[in-house]
């Protein structure tokens, strides 16, 4: 990206961070997590398929970054906020059994 912008890597990272509030790598991970959240709540694709679609490649990588950024596993997020739950109020996290996705 720095080359495409005709900047040194250091200048690009500095300007990108000034513009977005995050360095490029962190910004990209956050964008991928946001897209995974959207896919988890609006569809029925598997965790494997979502990981591939958002650019994480493996479900393990998706789970790692998702838990780090959101605080729960992708499966738990889907159970709480997915299509099936949208007809009623979300169930409190403390009342749900914790499962690994």
PDB file of N, CA and C in Angstrom:
ATOM      1  N   UNK A   1       0.823  -1.193   0.000  1.00  0.00           N
ATOM      2  CA  UNK A   1       0.000   0.000   0.000  1.00  0.00           C
ATOM      3  C   UNK A   1       0.865   1.252   0.000  1.00  0.00           C
ATOM      4  N   UNK A   2       1.962   1.192   0.745  1.00  0.00           N
ATOM      5  CA  UNK A   2       2.857   2.349   0.784  1.00  0.00           C
ATOM      6  C   UNK A   2       3.401   2.637  -0.608  1.00  0.00           C
ATOM      7  N   UNK A   3       3.799   1.594  -1.329  1.00  0.00           N
ATOM      8  CA  UNK A   3       4.300   1.782  -2.693  1.00  0.00           C
ATOM      9  C   UNK A   3       3.232   2.374  -3.601  1.00  0.00           C
ATOM     10  N   UNK A   4       2.003   1.871  -3.483  1.00  0.00           N
ATOM     11  CA  UNK A   4       0.907   2.393  -4.304  1.00  0.00           C
ATOM     12  C   UNK A   4       0.656   3.881  -4.029  1.00  0.00           C
ATOM     13  N   UNK A   5       0.890   4.292  -2.800  1.00  0.00           N
ATOM     14  CA  UNK A   5       0.707   5.698  -2.430  1.00  0.00           C
ATOM     15  C   UNK A   5       1.979   6.521  -2.659  1.00  0.00           C
ATOM     16  N   UNK A   6       3.035   5.851  -3.128  1.00  0.00           N
ATOM     17  CA  UNK A   6       4.331   6.499  -3.379  1.00  0.00           C
ATOM     18  C   UNK A   6       4.864   7.185  -2.128  1.00  0.00           C
ATOM     19  N   UNK A   7       4.798   6.409  -1.035  1.00  0.00           N
ATOM     20  CA  UNK A   7       5.315   6.883   0.253  1.00  0.00           C
ATOM     21  C   UNK A   7       6.279   5.838   0.796  1.00  0.00           C
ATOM     22  N   UNK A   8       7.132   6.282   1.686  1.00  0.00           N
ATOM     23  CA  UNK A   8       7.936   5.315   2.414  1.00  0.00           C
ATOM     24  C   UNK A   8       6.998   4.565   3.360  1.00  0.00           C
ATOM     25  N   UNK A   9       7.396   3.386   3.768  1.00  0.00           N
ATOM     26  CA  UNK A   9       6.569   2.590   4.677  1.00  0.00           C
ATOM     27  C   UNK A   9       6.299   3.360   5.969  1.00  0.00           C
ATOM     28  N   UNK A  10       7.329   3.969   6.492  1.00  0.00           N
ATOM     29  CA  UNK A  10       7.187   4.713   7.749  1.00  0.00           C
ATOM     30  C   UNK A  10       6.193   5.869   7.621  1.00  0.00           C
ATOM     31  N   UNK A  11       6.289   6.623   6.539  1.00  0.00           N
ATOM     32  CA  UNK A  11       5.361   7.738   6.317  1.00  0.00           C
ATOM     33  C   UNK A  11       3.940   7.229   6.112  1.00  0.00           C
ATOM     34  N   UNK A  12       3.810   6.156   5.347  1.00  0.00           N
ATOM     35  CA  UNK A  12       2.480   5.594   5.109  1.00  0.00           C
ATOM     36  C   UNK A  12       1.837   5.159   6.418  1.00  0.00           C
ATOM     37  N   UNK A  13       2.561   4.421   7.237  1.00  0.00           N
ATOM     38  CA  UNK A  13       2.012   3.951   8.517  1.00  0.00           C
ATOM     39  C   UNK A  13       1.619   5.144   9.390  1.00  0.00           C
ATOM     40  N   UNK A  14       2.467   6.162   9.441  1.00  0.00           N
ATOM     41  CA  UNK A  14       2.163   7.340  10.249  1.00  0.00           C
ATOM     42  C   UNK A  14       0.890   8.035   9.749  1.00  0.00           C
ATOM     43  N   UNK A  15       0.794   8.245   8.453  1.00  0.00           N
ATOM     44  CA  UNK A  15      -0.378   8.939   7.902  1.00  0.00           C
ATOM     45  C   UNK A  15      -1.636   8.080   7.984  1.00  0.00           C
ATOM     46  N   UNK A  16      -1.502   6.789   7.760  1.00  0.00           N
ATOM     47  CA  UNK A  16      -2.655   5.887   7.875  1.00  0.00           C
ATOM     48  C   UNK A  16      -3.186   5.919   9.301  1.00  0.00           C
ATOM     49  N   UNK A  17      -2.277   5.836  10.255  1.00  0.00           N
ATOM     50  CA  UNK A  17      -2.668   5.853  11.667  1.00  0.00           C
ATOM     51  C   UNK A  17      -3.316   7.180  12.042  1.00  0.00           C
ATOM     52  N   UNK A  18      -2.789   8.292  11.529  1.00  0.00           N
ATOM     53  CA  UNK A  18      -3.400   9.598  11.784  1.00  0.00           C
ATOM     54  C   UNK A  18      -4.829   9.651  11.222  1.00  0.00           C
ATOM     55  N   UNK A  19      -5.021   9.055  10.041  1.00  0.00           N
ATOM     56  CA  UNK A  19      -6.328   9.121   9.375  1.00  0.00           C
ATOM     57  C   UNK A  19      -7.360   8.177   9.974  1.00  0.00           C
ATOM     58  N   UNK A  20      -6.924   7.015  10.452  1.00  0.00           N
ATOM     59  CA  UNK A  20      -7.883   5.995  10.902  1.00  0.00           C
ATOM     60  C   UNK A  20      -7.866   5.751  12.405  1.00  0.00           C
ATOM     61  N   UNK A  21      -6.813   6.156  13.060  1.00  0.00           N
ATOM     62  CA  UNK A  21      -6.688   5.895  14.489  1.00  0.00           C
ATOM     63  C   UNK A  21      -6.007   4.577  14.810  1.00  0.00           C
ATOM     64  N   UNK A  22      -5.674   3.798  13.776  1.00  0.00           N
ATOM     65  CA  UNK A  22      -5.022   2.505  13.969  1.00  0.00           C
ATOM     66  C   UNK A  22      -3.984   2.278  12.880  1.00  0.00           C
ATOM     67  N   UNK A  23      -2.927   1.527  13.198  1.00  0.00           N
ATOM     68  CA  UNK A  23      -1.992   1.140  12.141  1.00  0.00           C
ATOM     69  C   UNK A  23      -2.687   0.213  11.139  1.00  0.00           C
ATOM     70  N   UNK A  24      -2.160   0.102   9.930  1.00  0.00           N
ATOM     71  CA  UNK A  24      -2.836  -0.686   8.888  1.00  0.00           C
ATOM     72  C   UNK A  24      -3.209  -2.112   9.292  1.00  0.00           C
ATOM     73  N   UNK A  25      -2.329  -2.832   9.931  1.00  0.00           N
ATOM     74  CA  UNK A  25      -2.617  -4.220  10.321  1.00  0.00           C
ATOM     75  C   UNK A  25      -3.770  -4.320  11.306  1.00  0.00           C
ATOM     76  N   UNK A  26      -3.763  -3.463  12.322  1.00  0.00           N
ATOM     77  CA  UNK A  26      -4.846  -3.470  13.306  1.00  0.00           C
ATOM     78  C   UNK A  26      -6.170  -3.053  12.671  1.00  0.00           C
ATOM     79  N   UNK A  27      -6.111  -2.061  11.792  1.00  0.00           N
ATOM     80  CA  UNK A  27      -7.313  -1.606  11.103  1.00  0.00           C
ATOM     81  C   UNK A  27      -7.910  -2.733  10.274  1.00  0.00           C
ATOM     82  N   UNK A  28      -7.056  -3.464   9.544  1.00  0.00           N
ATOM     83  CA  UNK A  28      -7.533  -4.551   8.697  1.00  0.00           C
ATOM     84  C   UNK A  28      -8.187  -5.654   9.529  1.00  0.00           C
ATOM     85  N   UNK A  29      -7.570  -6.030  10.633  1.00  0.00           N
ATOM     86  CA  UNK A  29      -8.153  -7.052  11.501  1.00  0.00           C
ATOM     87  C   UNK A  29      -9.511  -6.581  12.025  1.00  0.00           C
ATOM     88  N   UNK A  30      -9.603  -5.329  12.455  1.00  0.00           N
ATOM     89  CA  UNK A  30     -10.872  -4.804  12.971  1.00  0.00           C
ATOM     90  C   UNK A  30     -11.951  -4.815  11.889  1.00  0.00           C
ATOM     91  N   UNK A  31     -11.597  -4.465  10.662  1.00  0.00           N
ATOM     92  CA  UNK A  31     -12.560  -4.495   9.559  1.00  0.00           C
ATOM     93  C   UNK A  31     -13.026  -5.925   9.285  1.00  0.00           C
ATOM     94  N   UNK A  32     -12.105  -6.878   9.338  1.00  0.00           N
ATOM     95  CA  UNK A  32     -12.469  -8.282   9.116  1.00  0.00           C
ATOM     96  C   UNK A  32     -13.396  -8.786  10.215  1.00  0.00           C
ATOM     97  N   UNK A  33     -13.123  -8.405  11.450  1.00  0.00           N
ATOM     98  CA  UNK A  33     -13.988  -8.802  12.569  1.00  0.00           C
ATOM     99  C   UNK A  33     -15.383  -8.197  12.391  1.00  0.00           C
ATOM    100  N   UNK A  34     -15.455  -6.935  11.986  1.00  0.00           N
ATOM    101  CA  UNK A  34     -16.765  -6.308  11.765  1.00  0.00           C
ATOM    102  C   UNK A  34     -17.552  -7.028  10.677  1.00  0.00           C
ATOM    103  N   UNK A  35     -16.887  -7.421   9.610  1.00  0.00           N
ATOM    104  CA  UNK A  35     -17.573  -8.161   8.544  1.00  0.00           C
ATOM    105  C   UNK A  35     -18.007  -9.532   9.042  1.00  0.00           C
ATOM    106  N   UNK A  36     -17.172 -10.182   9.847  1.00  0.00           N
ATOM    107  CA  UNK A  36     -17.552 -11.474  10.420  1.00  0.00           C
ATOM    108  C   UNK A  36     -18.787 -11.316  11.305  1.00  0.00           C
ATOM    109  N   UNK A  37     -18.840 -10.257  12.095  1.00  0.00           N
ATOM    110  CA  UNK A  37     -20.019  -9.998  12.926  1.00  0.00           C
ATOM    111  C   UNK A  37     -21.263  -9.866  12.058  1.00  0.00           C
ATOM    112  N   UNK A  38     -21.147  -9.124  10.969  1.00  0.00           N
ATOM    113  CA  UNK A  38     -22.288  -8.934  10.070  1.00  0.00           C
ATOM    114  C   UNK A  38     -22.735 -10.273   9.494  1.00  0.00           C
ATOM    115  N   UNK A  39     -21.785 -11.076   9.045  1.00  0.00           N
ATOM    116  CA  UNK A  39     -22.142 -12.369   8.459  1.00  0.00           C
ATOM    117  C   UNK A  39     -22.723 -13.325   9.503  1.00  0.00           C
ATOM    118  N   UNK A  40     -22.212 -13.268  10.713  1.00  0.00           N
ATOM    119  CA  UNK A  40     -22.733 -14.131  11.779  1.00  0.00           C
ATOM    120  C   UNK A  40     -24.178 -13.787  12.137  1.00  0.00           C
ATOM    121  N   UNK A  41     -24.545 -12.532  12.030  1.00  0.00           N
ATOM    122  CA  UNK A  41     -25.888 -12.124  12.440  1.00  0.00           C
ATOM    123  C   UNK A  41     -26.901 -12.128  11.313  1.00  0.00           C
ATOM    124  N   UNK A  42     -26.461 -12.198  10.074  1.00  0.00           N
ATOM    125  CA  UNK A  42     -27.406 -12.107   8.962  1.00  0.00           C
ATOM    126  C   UNK A  42     -27.513 -13.363   8.120  1.00  0.00           C
ATOM    127  N   UNK A  43     -26.710 -14.363   8.403  1.00  0.00           N
ATOM    128  CA  UNK A  43     -26.755 -15.559   7.569  1.00  0.00           C
ATOM    129  C   UNK A  43     -26.500 -16.826   8.354  1.00  0.00           C
ATOM    130  N   UNK A  44     -26.338 -17.892   7.611  1.00  0.00           N
ATOM    131  CA  UNK A  44     -26.148 -19.203   8.228  1.00  0.00           C
ATOM    132  C   UNK A  44     -24.857 -19.879   7.774  1.00  0.00           C
ATOM    133  N   UNK A  45     -23.934 -19.118   7.192  1.00  0.00           N
ATOM    134  CA  UNK A  45     -22.670 -19.688   6.731  1.00  0.00           C
ATOM    135  C   UNK A  45     -21.902 -20.257   7.924  1.00  0.00           C
ATOM    136  N   UNK A  46     -21.125 -21.286   7.665  1.00  0.00           N
ATOM    137  CA  UNK A  46     -20.316 -21.891   8.721  1.00  0.00           C
ATOM    138  C   UNK A  46     -19.197 -20.940   9.141  1.00  0.00           C
ATOM    139  N   UNK A  47     -18.647 -21.190  10.309  1.00  0.00           N
ATOM    140  CA  UNK A  47     -17.512 -20.403  10.795  1.00  0.00           C
ATOM    141  C   UNK A  47     -16.354 -20.539   9.815  1.00  0.00           C
ATOM    142  N   UNK A  48     -16.144 -21.735   9.274  1.00  0.00           N
ATOM    143  CA  UNK A  48     -15.077 -21.953   8.287  1.00  0.00           C
ATOM    144  C   UNK A  48     -15.282 -21.055   7.067  1.00  0.00           C
ATOM    145  N   UNK A  49     -16.504 -21.024   6.559  1.00  0.00           N
ATOM    146  CA  UNK A  49     -16.803 -20.225   5.368  1.00  0.00           C
ATOM    147  C   UNK A  49     -16.653 -18.739   5.658  1.00  0.00           C
ATOM    148  N   UNK A  50     -17.075 -18.302   6.823  1.00  0.00           N
ATOM    149  CA  UNK A  50     -16.951 -16.890   7.182  1.00  0.00           C
ATOM    150  C   UNK A  50     -15.484 -16.506   7.322  1.00  0.00           C
ATOM    151  N   UNK A  51     -14.693 -17.366   7.972  1.00  0.00           N
ATOM    152  CA  UNK A  51     -13.256 -17.100   8.128  1.00  0.00           C
ATOM    153  C   UNK A  51     -12.604 -16.892   6.774  1.00  0.00           C
ATOM    154  N   UNK A  52     -12.925 -17.746   5.827  1.00  0.00           N
ATOM    155  CA  UNK A  52     -12.372 -17.627   4.476  1.00  0.00           C
ATOM    156  C   UNK A  52     -12.878 -16.362   3.794  1.00  0.00           C
ATOM    157  N   UNK A  53     -14.165 -16.093   3.899  1.00  0.00           N
ATOM    158  CA  UNK A  53     -14.766 -14.949   3.206  1.00  0.00           C
ATOM    159  C   UNK A  53     -14.234 -13.604   3.693  1.00  0.00           C
ATOM    160  N   UNK A  54     -13.941 -13.493   4.979  1.00  0.00           N
ATOM    161  CA  UNK A  54     -13.490 -12.200   5.506  1.00  0.00           C
ATOM    162  C   UNK A  54     -11.973 -12.042   5.463  1.00  0.00           C
ATOM    163  N   UNK A  55     -11.271 -13.091   5.063  1.00  0.00           N
ATOM    164  CA  UNK A  55      -9.830 -12.976   4.885  1.00  0.00           C
ATOM    165  C   UNK A  55      -8.971 -13.514   6.007  1.00  0.00           C
ATOM    166  N   UNK A  56      -9.571 -14.188   6.988  1.00  0.00           N
ATOM    167  CA  UNK A  56      -8.768 -14.773   8.046  1.00  0.00           C
ATOM    168  C   UNK A  56      -8.184 -16.125   7.637  1.00  0.00           C
ATOM    169  N   UNK A  57      -8.807 -16.780   6.684  1.00  0.00           N
ATOM    170  CA  UNK A  57      -8.259 -18.028   6.163  1.00  0.00           C
ATOM    171  C   UNK A  57      -8.669 -19.261   6.931  1.00  0.00           C
ATOM    172  N   UNK A  58      -8.494 -19.262   8.229  1.00  0.00           N
ATOM    173  CA  UNK A  58      -8.838 -20.431   9.024  1.00  0.00           C
ATOM    174  C   UNK A  58      -9.810 -20.037  10.138  1.00  0.00           C
ATOM    175  N   UNK A  59     -10.641 -20.994  10.564  1.00  0.00           N
ATOM    176  CA  UNK A  59     -11.551 -20.688  11.672  1.00  0.00           C
ATOM    177  C   UNK A  59     -10.800 -20.387  12.973  1.00  0.00           C
ATOM    178  N   UNK A  60      -9.641 -20.988  13.148  1.00  0.00           N
ATOM    179  CA  UNK A  60      -8.853 -20.721  14.360  1.00  0.00           C
ATOM    180  C   UNK A  60      -8.421 -19.268  14.420  1.00  0.00           C
ATOM    181  N   UNK A  61      -7.980 -18.736  13.279  1.00  0.00           N
ATOM    182  CA  UNK A  61      -7.558 -17.340  13.227  1.00  0.00           C
ATOM    183  C   UNK A  61      -8.747 -16.420  13.459  1.00  0.00           C
ATOM    184  N   UNK A  62      -9.884 -16.742  12.852  1.00  0.00           N
ATOM    185  CA  UNK A  62     -11.095 -15.961  13.095  1.00  0.00           C
ATOM    186  C   UNK A  62     -11.442 -15.982  14.576  1.00  0.00           C
ATOM    187  N   UNK A  63     -11.470 -17.160  15.185  1.00  0.00           N
ATOM    188  CA  UNK A  63     -11.819 -17.257  16.612  1.00  0.00           C
ATOM    189  C   UNK A  63     -10.878 -16.421  17.476  1.00  0.00           C
ATOM    190  N   UNK A  64      -9.596 -16.498  17.188  1.00  0.00           N
ATOM    191  CA  UNK A  64      -8.601 -15.758  17.967  1.00  0.00           C
ATOM    192  C   UNK A  64      -8.883 -14.256  17.919  1.00  0.00           C
ATOM    193  N   UNK A  65      -8.982 -13.707  16.714  1.00  0.00           N
ATOM    194  CA  UNK A  65      -9.179 -12.271  16.567  1.00  0.00           C
ATOM    195  C   UNK A  65     -10.571 -11.840  17.021  1.00  0.00           C
ATOM    196  N   UNK A  66     -11.557 -12.682  16.810  1.00  0.00           N
ATOM    197  CA  UNK A  66     -12.927 -12.352  17.214  1.00  0.00           C
ATOM    198  C   UNK A  66     -13.018 -12.261  18.733  1.00  0.00           C
ATOM    199  N   UNK A  67     -12.483 -13.248  19.432  1.00  0.00           N
ATOM    200  CA  UNK A  67     -12.516 -13.210  20.902  1.00  0.00           C
ATOM    201  C   UNK A  67     -11.750 -12.018  21.440  1.00  0.00           C
ATOM    202  N   UNK A  68     -10.628 -11.737  20.811  1.00  0.00           N
ATOM    203  CA  UNK A  68      -9.810 -10.614  21.247  1.00  0.00           C
ATOM    204  C   UNK A  68     -10.538  -9.281  21.044  1.00  0.00           C
ATOM    205  N   UNK A  69     -11.228  -9.146  19.925  1.00  0.00           N
ATOM    206  CA  UNK A  69     -11.880  -7.884  19.615  1.00  0.00           C
ATOM    207  C   UNK A  69     -13.270  -7.726  20.182  1.00  0.00           C
ATOM    208  N   UNK A  70     -14.011  -8.840  20.295  1.00  0.00           N
ATOM    209  CA  UNK A  70     -15.420  -8.769  20.700  1.00  0.00           C
ATOM    210  C   UNK A  70     -15.625  -9.273  22.128  1.00  0.00           C
ATOM    211  N   UNK A  71     -14.773 -10.181  22.558  1.00  0.00           N
ATOM    212  CA  UNK A  71     -14.878 -10.688  23.924  1.00  0.00           C
ATOM    213  C   UNK A  71     -15.619 -12.008  24.055  1.00  0.00           C
ATOM    214  N   UNK A  72     -16.176 -12.511  22.956  1.00  0.00           N
ATOM    215  CA  UNK A  72     -16.850 -13.806  22.950  1.00  0.00           C
ATOM    216  C   UNK A  72     -16.475 -14.543  21.667  1.00  0.00           C
ATOM    217  N   UNK A  73     -16.720 -15.835  21.657  1.00  0.00           N
ATOM    218  CA  UNK A  73     -16.458 -16.647  20.472  1.00  0.00           C
ATOM    219  C   UNK A  73     -17.490 -16.330  19.385  1.00  0.00           C
ATOM    220  N   UNK A  74     -17.136 -16.536  18.126  1.00  0.00           N
ATOM    221  CA  UNK A  74     -18.095 -16.290  17.043  1.00  0.00           C
ATOM    222  C   UNK A  74     -19.416 -17.038  17.227  1.00  0.00           C
ATOM    223  N   UNK A  75     -19.357 -18.283  17.666  1.00  0.00           N
ATOM    224  CA  UNK A  75     -20.584 -19.062  17.860  1.00  0.00           C
ATOM    225  C   UNK A  75     -21.481 -18.416  18.910  1.00  0.00           C
ATOM    226  N   UNK A  76     -20.899 -17.981  19.998  1.00  0.00           N
ATOM    227  CA  UNK A  76     -21.663 -17.313  21.058  1.00  0.00           C
ATOM    228  C   UNK A  76     -22.284 -16.023  20.533  1.00  0.00           C
ATOM    229  N   UNK A  77     -21.532 -15.287  19.762  1.00  0.00           N
ATOM    230  CA  UNK A  77     -22.043 -14.045  19.176  1.00  0.00           C
ATOM    231  C   UNK A  77     -23.240 -14.335  18.281  1.00  0.00           C
ATOM    232  N   UNK A  78     -23.128 -15.368  17.455  1.00  0.00           N
ATOM    233  CA  UNK A  78     -24.238 -15.744  16.563  1.00  0.00           C
ATOM    234  C   UNK A  78     -25.456 -16.158  17.373  1.00  0.00           C
ATOM    235  N   UNK A  79     -25.254 -16.942  18.417  1.00  0.00           N
ATOM    236  CA  UNK A  79     -26.385 -17.370  19.248  1.00  0.00           C
ATOM    237  C   UNK A  79     -27.084 -16.181  19.898  1.00  0.00           C
ATOM    238  N   UNK A  80     -26.308 -15.196  20.272  1.00  0.00           N
ATOM    239  CA  UNK A  80     -26.880 -14.047  20.975  1.00  0.00           C
ATOM    240  C   UNK A  80     -27.515 -13.019  20.034  1.00  0.00           C
ATOM    241  N   UNK A  81     -26.903 -12.809  18.881  1.00  0.00           N
ATOM    242  CA  UNK A  81     -27.344 -11.719  18.015  1.00  0.00           C
ATOM    243  C   UNK A  81     -27.804 -12.157  16.629  1.00  0.00           C
ATOM    244  N   UNK A  82     -27.766 -13.422  16.325  1.00  0.00           N
ATOM    245  CA  UNK A  82     -28.093 -13.901  14.993  1.00  0.00           C
ATOM    246  C   UNK A  82     -29.561 -13.816  14.639  1.00  0.00           C
ATOM    247  N   UNK A  83     -29.885 -14.233  13.445  1.00  0.00           N
ATOM    248  CA  UNK A  83     -31.244 -14.167  12.903  1.00  0.00           C
ATOM    249  C   UNK A  83     -32.274 -14.776  13.854  1.00  0.00           C
ATOM    250  N   UNK A  84     -31.991 -15.920  14.431  1.00  0.00           N
ATOM    251  CA  UNK A  84     -32.948 -16.598  15.310  1.00  0.00           C
ATOM    252  C   UNK A  84     -33.256 -15.766  16.548  1.00  0.00           C
ATOM    253  N   UNK A  85     -32.312 -14.935  17.005  1.00  0.00           N
ATOM    254  CA  UNK A  85     -32.510 -14.138  18.220  1.00  0.00           C
ATOM    255  C   UNK A  85     -33.124 -12.773  17.929  1.00  0.00           C
ATOM    256  N   UNK A  86     -33.211 -12.377  16.691  1.00  0.00           N
ATOM    257  CA  UNK A  86     -33.648 -11.029  16.374  1.00  0.00           C
ATOM    258  C   UNK A  86     -35.130 -10.801  16.640  1.00  0.00           C
ATOM    259  N   UNK A  87     -35.876 -11.851  16.878  1.00  0.00           N
ATOM    260  CA  UNK A  87     -37.300 -11.663  17.142  1.00  0.00           C
ATOM    261  C   UNK A  87     -37.586 -11.316  18.598  1.00  0.00           C
ATOM    262  N   UNK A  88     -36.613 -11.505  19.475  1.00  0.00           N
ATOM    263  CA  UNK A  88     -36.817 -11.202  20.880  1.00  0.00           C
ATOM    264  C   UNK A  88     -35.598 -10.550  21.476  1.00  0.00           C
ATOM    265  N   UNK A  89     -35.650 -10.205  22.761  1.00  0.00           N
ATOM    266  CA  UNK A  89     -34.509  -9.557  23.388  1.00  0.00           C
ATOM    267  C   UNK A  89     -33.339 -10.521  23.508  1.00  0.00           C
ATOM    268  N   UNK A  90     -32.108 -10.023  23.432  1.00  0.00           N
ATOM    269  CA  UNK A  90     -30.954 -10.911  23.562  1.00  0.00           C
ATOM    270  C   UNK A  90     -30.880 -11.516  24.951  1.00  0.00           C
ATOM    271  N   UNK A  91     -30.475 -12.763  25.002  1.00  0.00           N
ATOM    272  CA  UNK A  91     -30.335 -13.449  26.271  1.00  0.00           C
ATOM    273  C   UNK A  91     -29.036 -12.983  26.939  1.00  0.00           C
ATOM    274  N   UNK A  92     -29.055 -12.708  28.227  1.00  0.00           N
ATOM    275  CA  UNK A  92     -27.830 -12.280  28.906  1.00  0.00           C
ATOM    276  C   UNK A  92     -26.743 -13.339  28.766  1.00  0.00           C
ATOM    277  N   UNK A  93     -25.508 -12.888  28.592  1.00  0.00           N
ATOM    278  CA  UNK A  93     -24.385 -13.810  28.407  1.00  0.00           C
ATOM    279  C   UNK A  93     -24.222 -14.751  29.595  1.00  0.00           C
ATOM    280  N   UNK A  94     -24.453 -14.284  30.808  1.00  0.00           N
ATOM    281  CA  UNK A  94     -24.249 -15.101  31.994  1.00  0.00           C
ATOM    282  C   UNK A  94     -25.179 -16.308  32.030  1.00  0.00           C
ATOM    283  N   UNK A  95     -26.328 -16.249  31.376  1.00  0.00           N
ATOM    284  CA  UNK A  95     -27.289 -17.346  31.400  1.00  0.00           C
ATOM    285  C   UNK A  95     -27.033 -18.380  30.323  1.00  0.00           C
ATOM    286  N   UNK A  96     -26.134 -18.090  29.403  1.00  0.00           N
ATOM    287  CA  UNK A  96     -25.842 -19.003  28.305  1.00  0.00           C
ATOM    288  C   UNK A  96     -24.677 -19.894  28.711  1.00  0.00           C
ATOM    289  N   UNK A  97     -24.714 -21.111  28.268  1.00  0.00           N
ATOM    290  CA  UNK A  97     -23.564 -21.985  28.468  1.00  0.00           C
ATOM    291  C   UNK A  97     -22.487 -21.551  27.498  1.00  0.00           C
ATOM    292  N   UNK A  98     -21.259 -21.568  27.935  1.00  0.00           N
ATOM    293  CA  UNK A  98     -20.150 -21.170  27.061  1.00  0.00           C
ATOM    294  C   UNK A  98     -19.659 -22.378  26.285  1.00  0.00           C
ATOM    295  N   UNK A  99     -19.701 -22.274  24.977  1.00  0.00           N
ATOM    296  CA  UNK A  99     -19.229 -23.312  24.077  1.00  0.00           C
ATOM    297  C   UNK A  99     -18.089 -22.769  23.251  1.00  0.00           C
ATOM    298  N   UNK A 100     -17.171 -23.611  22.918  1.00  0.00           N
ATOM    299  CA  UNK A 100     -16.113 -23.197  22.018  1.00  0.00           C
ATOM    300  C   UNK A 100     -16.606 -23.378  20.602  1.00  0.00           C
ATOM    301  N   UNK A 101     -16.378 -22.368  19.751  1.00  0.00           N
ATOM    302  CA  UNK A 101     -16.806 -22.441  18.356  1.00  0.00           C
ATOM    303  C   UNK A 101     -15.821 -23.224  17.548  1.00  0.00           C
TER     304      UNK A 101
END
